[in-house]
Amino acid sequence: MRYLCLSCGARFREPQIMEEKHGEPHRAGERFWASPCCGEEFVPVRPCEDCGQVYPERELNYGLCAGCGEAAVERLRQYLRSAFTNQQRELLNEAFEAVALTQAEQAKVRE
């Protein structure tokens, strides 16, 4: 796995354990994981499944960056416009809304 330092933007493979002393020097300090470059916070990063650019994991949606996700949605819209009539698209829209509602109801039951 790779990581990104939130302070300086450096990328690295392994975080390091840091120790910060509070008060008495002979006592063990607080230990925490930090970036090896400057000892600050970091986040895991992964490449986008489509374009290969590296992003913080929290910015990926189903493994895709925002740009590639938007491009996929636009390709679907173009396909739907070219392959189906307005009436067929309305029917499909209602069917998918019903499926989404059913899935949401099932998720509530699981909670």
Protein backbone atom coordinates (compact mmCIF):
# COMPACT_ATOMS: atom_id res chain seq x y z
CA MET A 1 0.00 0.00 0.00
CA ARG A 2 1.09 3.56 -0.59
CA TYR A 3 0.45 6.63 1.51
CA LEU A 4 0.34 10.41 1.05
CA CYS A 5 1.59 12.91 3.63
CA LEU A 6 -1.13 15.51 4.23
CA SER A 7 1.43 18.14 5.21
CA CYS A 8 4.04 18.07 2.43
CA GLY A 9 2.39 15.84 -0.22
CA ALA A 10 5.19 13.25 -0.24
CA ARG A 11 4.25 9.67 -1.16
CA PHE A 12 5.74 6.73 0.72
CA ARG A 13 5.28 2.99 1.24
CA GLU A 14 5.70 2.60 5.01
CA PRO A 15 4.60 4.97 7.78
CA GLN A 16 6.80 5.11 10.83
CA ILE A 17 6.10 5.01 14.54
CA MET A 18 6.86 8.34 16.19
CA GLU A 19 7.07 9.11 19.88
CA GLU A 20 6.14 12.44 21.38
CA LYS A 21 7.19 13.22 24.95
CA HIS A 22 4.78 15.14 27.18
CA GLY A 23 6.32 16.54 30.33
CA GLU A 24 8.69 14.17 32.09
CA PRO A 25 11.52 13.05 29.78
CA HIS A 26 12.10 9.70 31.55
CA ARG A 27 8.51 8.54 30.94
CA ALA A 28 7.39 6.82 27.76
CA GLY A 29 5.83 9.24 25.32
CA GLU A 30 2.75 8.99 23.17
CA ARG A 31 3.35 6.68 20.19
CA PHE A 32 1.61 7.19 16.87
CA TRP A 33 1.97 6.41 13.16
CA ALA A 34 3.21 9.30 11.02
CA SER A 35 4.71 10.05 7.64
CA PRO A 36 8.47 9.40 7.55
CA CYS A 37 9.14 12.65 5.68
CA CYS A 38 7.94 15.16 8.26
CA GLY A 39 6.17 13.20 11.00
CA GLU A 40 2.70 14.48 10.11
CA GLU A 41 -0.66 12.85 9.30
CA PHE A 42 -1.07 10.71 6.21
CA VAL A 43 -3.76 8.90 4.22
CA PRO A 44 -3.68 5.72 2.12
CA VAL A 45 -3.70 6.24 -1.66
CA ARG A 46 -4.64 4.01 -4.60
CA PRO A 47 -4.67 4.43 -8.35
CA CYS A 48 -7.96 5.06 -10.13
CA GLU A 49 -9.08 1.80 -11.77
CA ASP A 50 -9.71 3.66 -15.04
CA CYS A 51 -7.04 6.33 -15.57
CA GLY A 52 -4.35 5.08 -13.18
CA GLN A 53 -3.79 8.44 -11.45
CA VAL A 54 -3.12 8.12 -7.70
CA TYR A 55 -5.70 9.56 -5.27
CA PRO A 56 -6.41 9.32 -1.55
CA GLU A 57 -8.70 6.31 -1.07
CA ARG A 58 -11.45 8.52 0.38
CA GLU A 59 -11.65 10.38 -2.96
CA LEU A 60 -12.32 7.22 -4.97
CA ASN A 61 -15.85 5.98 -5.55
CA TYR A 62 -16.03 2.30 -6.55
CA GLY A 63 -12.32 2.57 -7.38
CA LEU A 64 -12.83 5.53 -9.76
CA CYS A 65 -11.75 9.14 -9.42
CA ALA A 66 -14.38 11.86 -9.84
CA GLY A 67 -13.45 12.56 -13.47
CA CYS A 68 -13.61 8.91 -14.55
CA GLY A 69 -16.83 8.38 -12.61
CA GLU A 70 -18.44 11.35 -14.36
CA ALA A 71 -17.20 10.08 -17.73
CA ALA A 72 -18.75 6.64 -17.06
CA VAL A 73 -22.10 8.22 -16.16
CA GLU A 74 -21.98 10.35 -19.32
CA ARG A 75 -21.23 7.28 -21.48
CA LEU A 76 -24.25 5.55 -19.94
CA ARG A 77 -26.45 8.59 -20.64
CA GLN A 78 -25.30 8.67 -24.27
CA TYR A 79 -25.95 4.95 -24.64
CA LEU A 80 -29.43 5.23 -23.12
CA ARG A 81 -30.29 8.15 -25.43
CA SER A 82 -29.15 6.23 -28.50
CA ALA A 83 -30.52 2.78 -27.63
CA PHE A 84 -33.94 3.55 -26.09
CA THR A 85 -36.93 5.74 -26.84
CA ASN A 86 -38.18 8.33 -24.32
CA GLN A 87 -40.94 5.96 -23.23
CA GLN A 88 -38.51 3.08 -22.75
CA ARG A 89 -36.18 5.31 -20.70
CA GLU A 90 -39.08 6.41 -18.48
CA LEU A 91 -40.06 2.77 -17.93
CA LEU A 92 -36.46 1.83 -17.08
CA ASN A 93 -36.19 4.82 -14.74
CA GLU A 94 -39.27 3.72 -12.79
CA ALA A 95 -38.01 0.13 -12.63
CA PHE A 96 -34.61 1.21 -11.28
CA GLU A 97 -36.20 3.56 -8.74
CA ALA A 98 -38.30 0.64 -7.47
CA VAL A 99 -35.19 -1.54 -7.16
CA ALA A 100 -33.34 1.24 -5.30
CA LEU A 101 -36.26 1.67 -2.87
CA THR A 102 -36.39 -2.07 -2.23
CA GLN A 103 -32.64 -2.15 -1.52
CA ALA A 104 -32.96 0.83 0.84
CA GLU A 105 -35.78 -0.91 2.72
CA GLN A 106 -33.68 -4.08 3.02
CA ALA A 107 -30.77 -2.04 4.39
CA LYS A 108 -33.03 -0.53 7.08
CA VAL A 109 -34.16 -4.02 8.14
CA ARG A 110 -30.49 -5.09 8.52
CA GLU A 111 -29.77 -2.10 10.81
